[in-house]
């Protein structure tokens, strides 16, 4: 039962957040809250030591502060600033968190380059029609769905986390 919860809650919620951000450019507050709050009952049911839960809260607090600083400087959106710490609490403080941040930044950077290249190509070819779905996904501002690289980084780091012992132990 615990393996099912671990395998379903975290991956499903981060994937749903990525899809939501891709489709609507929003990560709903209820989704980030669900991701954060679901950590506690699953961690307790899985037998996570209280010290580790404490370090997970440290990861949450630090990434929340950094996320909101990035939001204040208009680097990322509010949903992204809330999703990063909601993921961080699941990964805890340490190497999985670093892996998550690394892959999130790497995939986000590659995605930004891809969006810029797409814009150059699309302007040349003329795909910017008024009702184009591509236009909504890759609009002319640098506002792109950063929930996608956050989810990809989260899923890449998850097997390194404490949860791998629950899943494969």
N, C-alpha and C. Protein backbone atom coordinates (compact mmCIF):
# COMPACT_ATOMS: atom_id res chain seq x y z
N UNK A 1 0.82 -1.19 0.00
CA UNK A 1 0.00 0.00 0.00
C UNK A 1 0.86 1.26 0.00
N UNK A 2 1.93 1.27 0.83
CA UNK A 2 2.82 2.43 0.90
C UNK A 2 3.51 2.63 -0.45
N UNK A 3 3.96 1.55 -1.06
CA UNK A 3 4.60 1.68 -2.38
C UNK A 3 3.66 2.30 -3.39
N UNK A 4 2.40 1.90 -3.34
CA UNK A 4 1.42 2.46 -4.26
C UNK A 4 1.26 3.96 -4.02
N UNK A 5 1.18 4.37 -2.75
CA UNK A 5 1.04 5.80 -2.44
C UNK A 5 2.25 6.59 -2.93
N UNK A 6 3.44 6.06 -2.65
CA UNK A 6 4.67 6.75 -3.06
C UNK A 6 4.76 6.82 -4.58
N UNK A 7 4.44 5.71 -5.24
CA UNK A 7 4.52 5.67 -6.70
C UNK A 7 3.43 6.49 -7.38
N UNK A 8 2.36 6.77 -6.68
CA UNK A 8 1.27 7.48 -7.35
C UNK A 8 1.21 8.96 -6.98
N UNK A 9 1.30 9.30 -5.72
CA UNK A 9 1.05 10.68 -5.32
C UNK A 9 2.09 11.64 -5.89
N UNK A 10 3.35 11.45 -5.59
CA UNK A 10 4.38 12.39 -6.03
C UNK A 10 4.48 12.47 -7.55
N UNK A 11 4.72 11.36 -8.24
CA UNK A 11 4.85 11.47 -9.71
C UNK A 11 3.59 11.98 -10.40
N UNK A 12 2.43 11.56 -9.93
CA UNK A 12 1.19 11.99 -10.57
C UNK A 12 0.98 13.49 -10.38
N UNK A 13 1.21 13.99 -9.18
CA UNK A 13 0.99 15.42 -8.92
C UNK A 13 1.98 16.29 -9.68
N UNK A 14 3.26 15.91 -9.72
CA UNK A 14 4.22 16.75 -10.46
C UNK A 14 3.95 16.70 -11.96
N UNK A 15 3.54 15.54 -12.45
CA UNK A 15 3.20 15.43 -13.87
C UNK A 15 1.96 16.25 -14.20
N UNK A 16 0.98 16.20 -13.33
CA UNK A 16 -0.24 16.99 -13.53
C UNK A 16 0.08 18.48 -13.52
N UNK A 17 0.98 18.89 -12.63
CA UNK A 17 1.38 20.30 -12.58
C UNK A 17 2.06 20.72 -13.89
N UNK A 18 2.90 19.85 -14.43
CA UNK A 18 3.57 20.17 -15.70
C UNK A 18 2.56 20.30 -16.83
N UNK A 19 1.62 19.38 -16.89
CA UNK A 19 0.59 19.43 -17.94
C UNK A 19 -0.27 20.67 -17.77
N UNK A 20 -0.65 20.97 -16.54
CA UNK A 20 -1.46 22.17 -16.28
C UNK A 20 -0.72 23.43 -16.71
N UNK A 21 0.56 23.50 -16.37
CA UNK A 21 1.35 24.68 -16.73
C UNK A 21 1.53 24.78 -18.24
N UNK A 22 1.72 23.66 -18.89
CA UNK A 22 1.87 23.65 -20.34
C UNK A 22 0.60 24.11 -21.03
N UNK A 23 -0.53 23.66 -20.53
CA UNK A 23 -1.82 23.99 -21.18
C UNK A 23 -2.32 25.38 -20.84
N UNK A 24 -2.16 25.81 -19.58
CA UNK A 24 -2.82 27.05 -19.14
C UNK A 24 -1.85 28.12 -18.64
N UNK A 25 -0.58 27.79 -18.52
CA UNK A 25 0.42 28.69 -17.95
C UNK A 25 0.15 28.97 -16.47
N UNK A 26 -0.48 28.02 -15.81
CA UNK A 26 -0.78 28.17 -14.39
C UNK A 26 -0.57 26.84 -13.69
N UNK A 27 -0.06 26.92 -12.49
CA UNK A 27 -0.02 25.76 -11.59
C UNK A 27 -0.91 26.15 -10.42
N UNK A 28 -2.08 25.53 -10.32
CA UNK A 28 -3.04 25.96 -9.30
C UNK A 28 -2.51 25.80 -7.87
N UNK A 29 -2.92 26.70 -7.02
CA UNK A 29 -2.51 26.64 -5.61
C UNK A 29 -2.92 25.33 -4.95
N UNK A 30 -4.12 24.82 -5.29
CA UNK A 30 -4.57 23.57 -4.67
C UNK A 30 -3.64 22.43 -5.03
N UNK A 31 -3.04 22.48 -6.22
CA UNK A 31 -2.15 21.42 -6.66
C UNK A 31 -0.83 21.47 -5.89
N UNK A 32 -0.25 22.66 -5.75
CA UNK A 32 0.97 22.79 -4.96
C UNK A 32 0.73 22.45 -3.49
N UNK A 33 -0.42 22.87 -2.96
CA UNK A 33 -0.76 22.54 -1.57
C UNK A 33 -0.93 21.04 -1.40
N UNK A 34 -1.56 20.39 -2.37
CA UNK A 34 -1.74 18.93 -2.30
C UNK A 34 -0.40 18.21 -2.34
N UNK A 35 0.49 18.69 -3.18
CA UNK A 35 1.82 18.09 -3.27
C UNK A 35 2.55 18.23 -1.94
N UNK A 36 2.51 19.41 -1.36
CA UNK A 36 3.18 19.66 -0.08
C UNK A 36 2.53 18.86 1.06
N UNK A 37 1.22 18.98 1.20
CA UNK A 37 0.54 18.37 2.34
C UNK A 37 0.51 16.85 2.29
N UNK A 38 0.50 16.28 1.09
CA UNK A 38 0.48 14.81 0.98
C UNK A 38 1.78 14.19 1.46
N UNK A 39 2.86 14.96 1.49
CA UNK A 39 4.14 14.44 1.96
C UNK A 39 4.04 13.90 3.39
N UNK A 40 3.36 14.62 4.26
CA UNK A 40 3.38 14.28 5.69
C UNK A 40 2.71 12.95 6.01
N UNK A 41 1.49 12.68 5.57
CA UNK A 41 0.92 11.37 5.89
C UNK A 41 1.68 10.22 5.21
N UNK A 42 2.14 10.44 3.99
CA UNK A 42 2.87 9.37 3.30
C UNK A 42 4.21 9.12 4.01
N UNK A 43 4.90 10.18 4.41
CA UNK A 43 6.18 10.02 5.13
C UNK A 43 5.97 9.27 6.45
N UNK A 44 4.94 9.63 7.17
CA UNK A 44 4.67 8.96 8.45
C UNK A 44 4.28 7.50 8.25
N UNK A 45 3.43 7.24 7.25
CA UNK A 45 3.05 5.85 6.96
C UNK A 45 4.23 5.01 6.49
N UNK A 46 5.15 5.64 5.77
CA UNK A 46 6.31 4.92 5.25
C UNK A 46 7.41 4.75 6.29
N UNK A 47 7.26 5.40 7.44
CA UNK A 47 8.25 5.25 8.50
C UNK A 47 9.45 6.15 8.35
N UNK A 48 9.31 7.29 7.69
CA UNK A 48 10.42 8.21 7.56
C UNK A 48 10.79 8.73 8.95
N UNK A 49 12.08 8.71 9.30
CA UNK A 49 12.49 9.22 10.61
C UNK A 49 12.15 10.71 10.77
N UNK A 50 11.82 11.10 11.98
CA UNK A 50 11.44 12.49 12.24
C UNK A 50 12.56 13.46 11.89
N UNK A 51 13.79 13.05 12.11
CA UNK A 51 14.92 13.91 11.75
C UNK A 51 14.93 14.19 10.24
N UNK A 52 14.62 13.18 9.47
CA UNK A 52 14.58 13.34 8.02
C UNK A 52 13.40 14.24 7.61
N UNK A 53 12.29 14.12 8.29
CA UNK A 53 11.16 15.02 8.03
C UNK A 53 11.58 16.46 8.33
N UNK A 54 12.33 16.63 9.40
CA UNK A 54 12.84 17.96 9.75
C UNK A 54 13.73 18.53 8.66
N UNK A 55 14.64 17.71 8.12
CA UNK A 55 15.51 18.17 7.02
C UNK A 55 14.70 18.44 5.76
N UNK A 56 13.63 17.70 5.56
CA UNK A 56 12.75 17.98 4.44
C UNK A 56 12.10 19.35 4.59
N UNK A 57 11.76 19.71 5.81
CA UNK A 57 11.18 21.04 6.07
C UNK A 57 12.23 22.14 5.86
N UNK A 58 13.49 21.84 6.15
CA UNK A 58 14.56 22.80 5.87
C UNK A 58 14.67 23.01 4.36
N UNK A 59 14.63 21.91 3.60
CA UNK A 59 14.68 22.02 2.13
C UNK A 59 13.50 22.85 1.63
N UNK A 60 12.33 22.63 2.21
CA UNK A 60 11.15 23.39 1.84
C UNK A 60 11.36 24.89 2.12
N UNK A 61 11.82 25.22 3.32
CA UNK A 61 11.96 26.62 3.72
C UNK A 61 12.99 27.36 2.86
N UNK A 62 14.12 26.72 2.62
CA UNK A 62 15.17 27.36 1.82
C UNK A 62 14.70 27.58 0.39
N UNK A 63 14.11 26.56 -0.22
CA UNK A 63 13.66 26.72 -1.60
C UNK A 63 12.47 27.66 -1.71
N UNK A 64 11.65 27.74 -0.67
CA UNK A 64 10.56 28.71 -0.66
C UNK A 64 11.11 30.13 -0.67
N UNK A 65 12.11 30.39 0.16
CA UNK A 65 12.72 31.73 0.22
C UNK A 65 13.37 32.09 -1.12
N UNK A 66 14.12 31.16 -1.68
CA UNK A 66 14.77 31.43 -2.98
C UNK A 66 13.72 31.58 -4.08
N UNK A 67 12.71 30.72 -4.06
CA UNK A 67 11.66 30.78 -5.07
C UNK A 67 10.92 32.10 -5.05
N UNK A 68 10.62 32.59 -3.87
CA UNK A 68 9.91 33.86 -3.80
C UNK A 68 10.80 35.04 -4.12
N UNK A 69 12.10 34.91 -3.88
CA UNK A 69 13.03 35.96 -4.35
C UNK A 69 13.05 35.99 -5.87
N UNK A 70 13.10 34.82 -6.50
CA UNK A 70 13.06 34.76 -7.97
C UNK A 70 11.75 35.30 -8.51
N UNK A 71 10.65 35.02 -7.81
CA UNK A 71 9.35 35.55 -8.21
C UNK A 71 9.33 37.07 -8.07
N UNK A 72 9.89 37.59 -6.99
CA UNK A 72 9.91 39.03 -6.76
C UNK A 72 10.68 39.77 -7.86
N UNK A 73 11.71 39.11 -8.40
CA UNK A 73 12.49 39.71 -9.49
C UNK A 73 11.96 39.32 -10.86
N UNK A 74 10.78 38.72 -10.88
CA UNK A 74 10.09 38.36 -12.12
C UNK A 74 10.88 37.37 -12.98
N UNK A 75 11.61 36.48 -12.32
CA UNK A 75 12.36 35.44 -13.03
C UNK A 75 11.47 34.23 -13.28
N UNK A 76 10.66 33.87 -12.29
CA UNK A 76 9.73 32.76 -12.43
C UNK A 76 8.36 33.20 -11.95
N UNK A 77 7.35 32.42 -12.29
CA UNK A 77 5.98 32.74 -11.88
C UNK A 77 5.70 32.27 -10.45
N UNK A 78 4.58 32.72 -9.93
CA UNK A 78 4.19 32.37 -8.57
C UNK A 78 3.94 30.89 -8.37
N UNK A 79 3.30 30.24 -9.36
CA UNK A 79 3.06 28.81 -9.25
C UNK A 79 4.36 28.02 -9.24
N UNK A 80 5.32 28.46 -10.05
CA UNK A 80 6.64 27.82 -10.08
C UNK A 80 7.35 28.01 -8.74
N UNK A 81 7.24 29.22 -8.18
CA UNK A 81 7.88 29.53 -6.90
C UNK A 81 7.29 28.68 -5.77
N UNK A 82 6.05 28.24 -5.92
CA UNK A 82 5.43 27.38 -4.91
C UNK A 82 5.66 25.90 -5.20
N UNK A 83 5.79 25.55 -6.49
CA UNK A 83 5.98 24.14 -6.84
C UNK A 83 7.37 23.65 -6.42
N UNK A 84 8.39 24.49 -6.58
CA UNK A 84 9.75 24.07 -6.24
C UNK A 84 9.85 23.63 -4.78
N UNK A 85 9.38 24.40 -3.79
CA UNK A 85 9.46 23.91 -2.41
C UNK A 85 8.53 22.73 -2.13
N UNK A 86 7.40 22.65 -2.84
CA UNK A 86 6.51 21.51 -2.65
C UNK A 86 7.19 20.22 -3.11
N UNK A 87 8.03 20.31 -4.13
CA UNK A 87 8.83 19.17 -4.58
C UNK A 87 9.98 18.93 -3.60
N UNK A 88 10.62 20.01 -3.16
CA UNK A 88 11.80 19.90 -2.29
C UNK A 88 11.49 19.16 -0.99
N UNK A 89 10.29 19.35 -0.44
CA UNK A 89 9.95 18.66 0.81
C UNK A 89 9.96 17.14 0.60
N UNK A 90 9.59 16.68 -0.57
CA UNK A 90 9.61 15.25 -0.86
C UNK A 90 11.04 14.73 -1.04
N UNK A 91 11.92 15.56 -1.57
CA UNK A 91 13.28 15.12 -1.87
C UNK A 91 14.21 15.26 -0.68
N UNK A 92 13.90 16.20 0.22
CA UNK A 92 14.73 16.38 1.41
C UNK A 92 15.97 17.21 1.12
N UNK A 93 16.73 17.42 2.17
CA UNK A 93 17.95 18.21 2.09
C UNK A 93 19.11 17.30 1.72
N UNK A 94 19.86 17.63 0.70
CA UNK A 94 21.01 16.82 0.33
C UNK A 94 21.10 16.63 -1.17
N UNK A 95 21.74 15.55 -1.55
CA UNK A 95 22.03 15.30 -2.96
C UNK A 95 20.79 15.22 -3.86
N UNK A 96 19.70 14.58 -3.44
CA UNK A 96 18.53 14.59 -4.32
C UNK A 96 18.02 16.00 -4.62
N UNK A 97 18.09 16.90 -3.64
CA UNK A 97 17.67 18.27 -3.87
C UNK A 97 18.60 18.95 -4.88
N UNK A 98 19.89 18.72 -4.74
CA UNK A 98 20.85 19.30 -5.69
C UNK A 98 20.61 18.74 -7.09
N UNK A 99 20.37 17.45 -7.18
CA UNK A 99 20.07 16.83 -8.48
C UNK A 99 18.82 17.45 -9.09
N UNK A 100 17.79 17.62 -8.28
CA UNK A 100 16.54 18.24 -8.73
C UNK A 100 16.80 19.64 -9.27
N UNK A 101 17.51 20.46 -8.52
CA UNK A 101 17.77 21.83 -8.95
C UNK A 101 18.63 21.87 -10.21
N UNK A 102 19.61 20.96 -10.29
CA UNK A 102 20.47 20.89 -11.46
C UNK A 102 19.66 20.56 -12.72
N UNK A 103 18.88 19.49 -12.65
CA UNK A 103 18.10 19.09 -13.83
C UNK A 103 17.00 20.10 -14.16
N UNK A 104 16.42 20.72 -13.16
CA UNK A 104 15.42 21.75 -13.42
C UNK A 104 16.05 22.91 -14.17
N UNK A 105 17.22 23.36 -13.71
CA UNK A 105 17.90 24.47 -14.38
C UNK A 105 18.37 24.07 -15.78
N UNK A 106 18.93 22.87 -15.91
CA UNK A 106 19.43 22.41 -17.21
C UNK A 106 18.28 22.29 -18.22
N UNK A 107 17.22 21.61 -17.83
CA UNK A 107 16.09 21.42 -18.75
C UNK A 107 15.39 22.75 -19.01
N UNK A 108 15.28 23.59 -17.99
CA UNK A 108 14.70 24.92 -18.18
C UNK A 108 15.52 25.76 -19.14
N UNK A 109 16.83 25.70 -19.03
CA UNK A 109 17.71 26.43 -19.95
C UNK A 109 17.60 25.92 -21.37
N UNK A 110 17.59 24.60 -21.52
CA UNK A 110 17.43 24.02 -22.86
C UNK A 110 16.08 24.38 -23.45
N UNK A 111 15.06 24.38 -22.60
CA UNK A 111 13.72 24.74 -23.06
C UNK A 111 13.69 26.21 -23.50
N UNK A 112 14.35 27.08 -22.75
CA UNK A 112 14.40 28.50 -23.12
C UNK A 112 15.09 28.70 -24.46
N UNK A 113 16.20 28.00 -24.66
CA UNK A 113 16.89 28.08 -25.95
C UNK A 113 15.99 27.56 -27.06
N UNK A 114 15.30 26.45 -26.80
CA UNK A 114 14.38 25.89 -27.79
C UNK A 114 13.25 26.85 -28.13
N UNK A 115 12.71 27.52 -27.11
CA UNK A 115 11.63 28.48 -27.34
C UNK A 115 12.14 29.64 -28.18
N UNK A 116 13.34 30.14 -27.86
CA UNK A 116 13.90 31.25 -28.64
C UNK A 116 14.14 30.84 -30.09
N UNK A 117 14.69 29.65 -30.29
CA UNK A 117 14.90 29.16 -31.66
C UNK A 117 13.57 28.99 -32.39
N UNK A 118 12.58 28.46 -31.68
CA UNK A 118 11.27 28.29 -32.29
C UNK A 118 10.70 29.62 -32.73
N UNK A 119 10.87 30.62 -31.91
CA UNK A 119 10.35 31.95 -32.26
C UNK A 119 11.02 32.51 -33.51
N UNK A 120 12.31 32.34 -33.60
CA UNK A 120 13.02 32.82 -34.79
C UNK A 120 12.53 32.08 -36.02
N UNK A 121 12.44 30.76 -35.93
CA UNK A 121 11.98 29.96 -37.08
C UNK A 121 10.54 30.27 -37.41
N UNK A 122 9.70 30.35 -36.40
CA UNK A 122 8.28 30.56 -36.66
C UNK A 122 8.00 31.93 -37.25
N UNK A 123 8.76 32.92 -36.84
CA UNK A 123 8.57 34.24 -37.43
C UNK A 123 8.94 34.23 -38.90
N UNK A 124 9.95 33.44 -39.23
CA UNK A 124 10.38 33.33 -40.63
C UNK A 124 9.34 32.58 -41.47
N UNK A 125 8.77 31.54 -40.89
CA UNK A 125 7.85 30.70 -41.66
C UNK A 125 6.42 31.24 -41.60
N UNK A 126 6.10 32.02 -40.58
CA UNK A 126 4.78 32.62 -40.48
C UNK A 126 3.74 31.75 -39.82
N UNK A 127 4.12 30.98 -38.79
CA UNK A 127 3.15 30.11 -38.13
C UNK A 127 2.37 30.84 -37.04
N UNK A 128 2.62 32.13 -36.86
CA UNK A 128 1.95 32.87 -35.80
C UNK A 128 0.59 33.35 -36.26
N UNK A 129 -0.29 32.41 -36.51
CA UNK A 129 -1.66 32.78 -36.87
C UNK A 129 -2.42 33.09 -35.60
N UNK A 130 -3.52 33.78 -35.73
CA UNK A 130 -4.21 34.30 -34.55
C UNK A 130 -4.74 33.21 -33.62
N UNK A 131 -5.18 32.06 -34.14
CA UNK A 131 -5.76 31.04 -33.28
C UNK A 131 -4.85 29.86 -33.04
N UNK A 132 -3.59 29.97 -33.36
CA UNK A 132 -2.66 28.85 -33.30
C UNK A 132 -2.43 28.38 -31.86
N UNK A 133 -2.53 27.06 -31.67
CA UNK A 133 -2.22 26.48 -30.35
C UNK A 133 -0.74 26.65 -30.04
N UNK A 134 0.08 26.60 -31.07
CA UNK A 134 1.52 26.80 -30.86
C UNK A 134 1.80 28.20 -30.34
N UNK A 135 1.03 29.16 -30.79
CA UNK A 135 1.21 30.52 -30.32
C UNK A 135 0.94 30.62 -28.83
N UNK A 136 -0.07 29.91 -28.36
CA UNK A 136 -0.37 29.93 -26.92
C UNK A 136 0.73 29.27 -26.12
N UNK A 137 1.29 28.18 -26.64
CA UNK A 137 2.34 27.47 -25.91
C UNK A 137 3.64 28.26 -25.92
N UNK A 138 4.01 28.80 -27.08
CA UNK A 138 5.26 29.54 -27.21
C UNK A 138 4.96 30.98 -27.58
N UNK A 139 4.43 31.72 -26.64
CA UNK A 139 4.08 33.11 -26.96
C UNK A 139 5.34 33.96 -27.10
N UNK A 140 5.19 35.17 -27.50
CA UNK A 140 6.33 36.02 -27.82
C UNK A 140 7.07 36.54 -26.60
N UNK A 141 6.51 36.40 -25.42
CA UNK A 141 7.22 36.80 -24.21
C UNK A 141 8.05 35.61 -23.75
N UNK A 142 8.95 35.86 -22.80
CA UNK A 142 9.75 34.76 -22.26
C UNK A 142 8.98 34.05 -21.15
N UNK A 143 7.69 34.08 -21.21
CA UNK A 143 6.84 33.40 -20.24
C UNK A 143 6.57 32.00 -20.77
N UNK A 144 7.33 31.04 -20.30
CA UNK A 144 7.06 29.68 -20.75
C UNK A 144 6.79 28.80 -19.54
N UNK A 145 6.20 27.65 -19.78
CA UNK A 145 5.74 26.79 -18.68
C UNK A 145 6.90 26.11 -17.95
N UNK A 146 7.43 26.80 -16.93
CA UNK A 146 8.57 26.27 -16.19
C UNK A 146 8.19 25.09 -15.32
N UNK A 147 6.89 24.81 -15.18
CA UNK A 147 6.47 23.62 -14.46
C UNK A 147 6.95 22.34 -15.13
N UNK A 148 7.18 22.41 -16.44
CA UNK A 148 7.66 21.22 -17.17
C UNK A 148 9.08 20.86 -16.72
N UNK A 149 10.05 21.79 -16.74
CA UNK A 149 11.37 21.39 -16.25
C UNK A 149 11.41 21.11 -14.75
N UNK A 150 10.53 21.76 -13.98
CA UNK A 150 10.47 21.45 -12.54
C UNK A 150 10.04 19.99 -12.35
N UNK A 151 9.01 19.59 -13.08
CA UNK A 151 8.53 18.20 -12.98
C UNK A 151 9.59 17.22 -13.48
N UNK A 152 10.25 17.55 -14.58
CA UNK A 152 11.29 16.66 -15.11
C UNK A 152 12.44 16.52 -14.11
N UNK A 153 12.86 17.63 -13.52
CA UNK A 153 13.91 17.57 -12.50
C UNK A 153 13.48 16.77 -11.29
N UNK A 154 12.21 16.93 -10.89
CA UNK A 154 11.69 16.19 -9.74
C UNK A 154 11.69 14.70 -10.01
N UNK A 155 11.23 14.31 -11.19
CA UNK A 155 11.17 12.89 -11.52
C UNK A 155 12.57 12.30 -11.71
N UNK A 156 13.51 13.10 -12.17
CA UNK A 156 14.89 12.63 -12.32
C UNK A 156 15.56 12.42 -10.95
N UNK A 157 15.23 13.27 -9.99
CA UNK A 157 15.87 13.19 -8.67
C UNK A 157 15.18 12.21 -7.73
N UNK A 158 13.92 11.92 -7.97
CA UNK A 158 13.14 11.07 -7.06
C UNK A 158 13.78 9.71 -6.78
N UNK A 159 14.33 9.02 -7.77
CA UNK A 159 14.96 7.72 -7.47
C UNK A 159 16.18 7.81 -6.56
N UNK A 160 16.79 8.97 -6.43
CA UNK A 160 17.94 9.15 -5.54
C UNK A 160 17.52 9.43 -4.10
N UNK A 161 16.27 9.73 -3.90
CA UNK A 161 15.80 10.19 -2.60
C UNK A 161 15.58 9.01 -1.64
N UNK A 162 15.21 9.35 -0.43
CA UNK A 162 14.92 8.36 0.60
C UNK A 162 13.83 7.39 0.14
N UNK A 163 12.95 7.85 -0.73
CA UNK A 163 11.82 7.06 -1.17
C UNK A 163 12.24 5.83 -1.98
N UNK A 164 13.43 5.83 -2.56
CA UNK A 164 13.86 4.65 -3.34
C UNK A 164 13.97 3.43 -2.44
N UNK A 165 14.32 3.64 -1.17
CA UNK A 165 14.38 2.52 -0.23
C UNK A 165 12.99 1.94 0.05
N UNK A 166 11.99 2.80 0.05
CA UNK A 166 10.60 2.35 0.24
C UNK A 166 10.14 1.58 -0.98
N UNK A 167 10.50 2.09 -2.15
CA UNK A 167 10.03 1.47 -3.39
C UNK A 167 10.77 0.19 -3.73
N UNK A 168 12.07 0.18 -3.51
CA UNK A 168 12.89 -0.94 -3.97
C UNK A 168 13.52 -1.75 -2.85
N UNK A 169 13.29 -1.34 -1.60
CA UNK A 169 13.92 -2.01 -0.46
C UNK A 169 13.19 -3.22 0.02
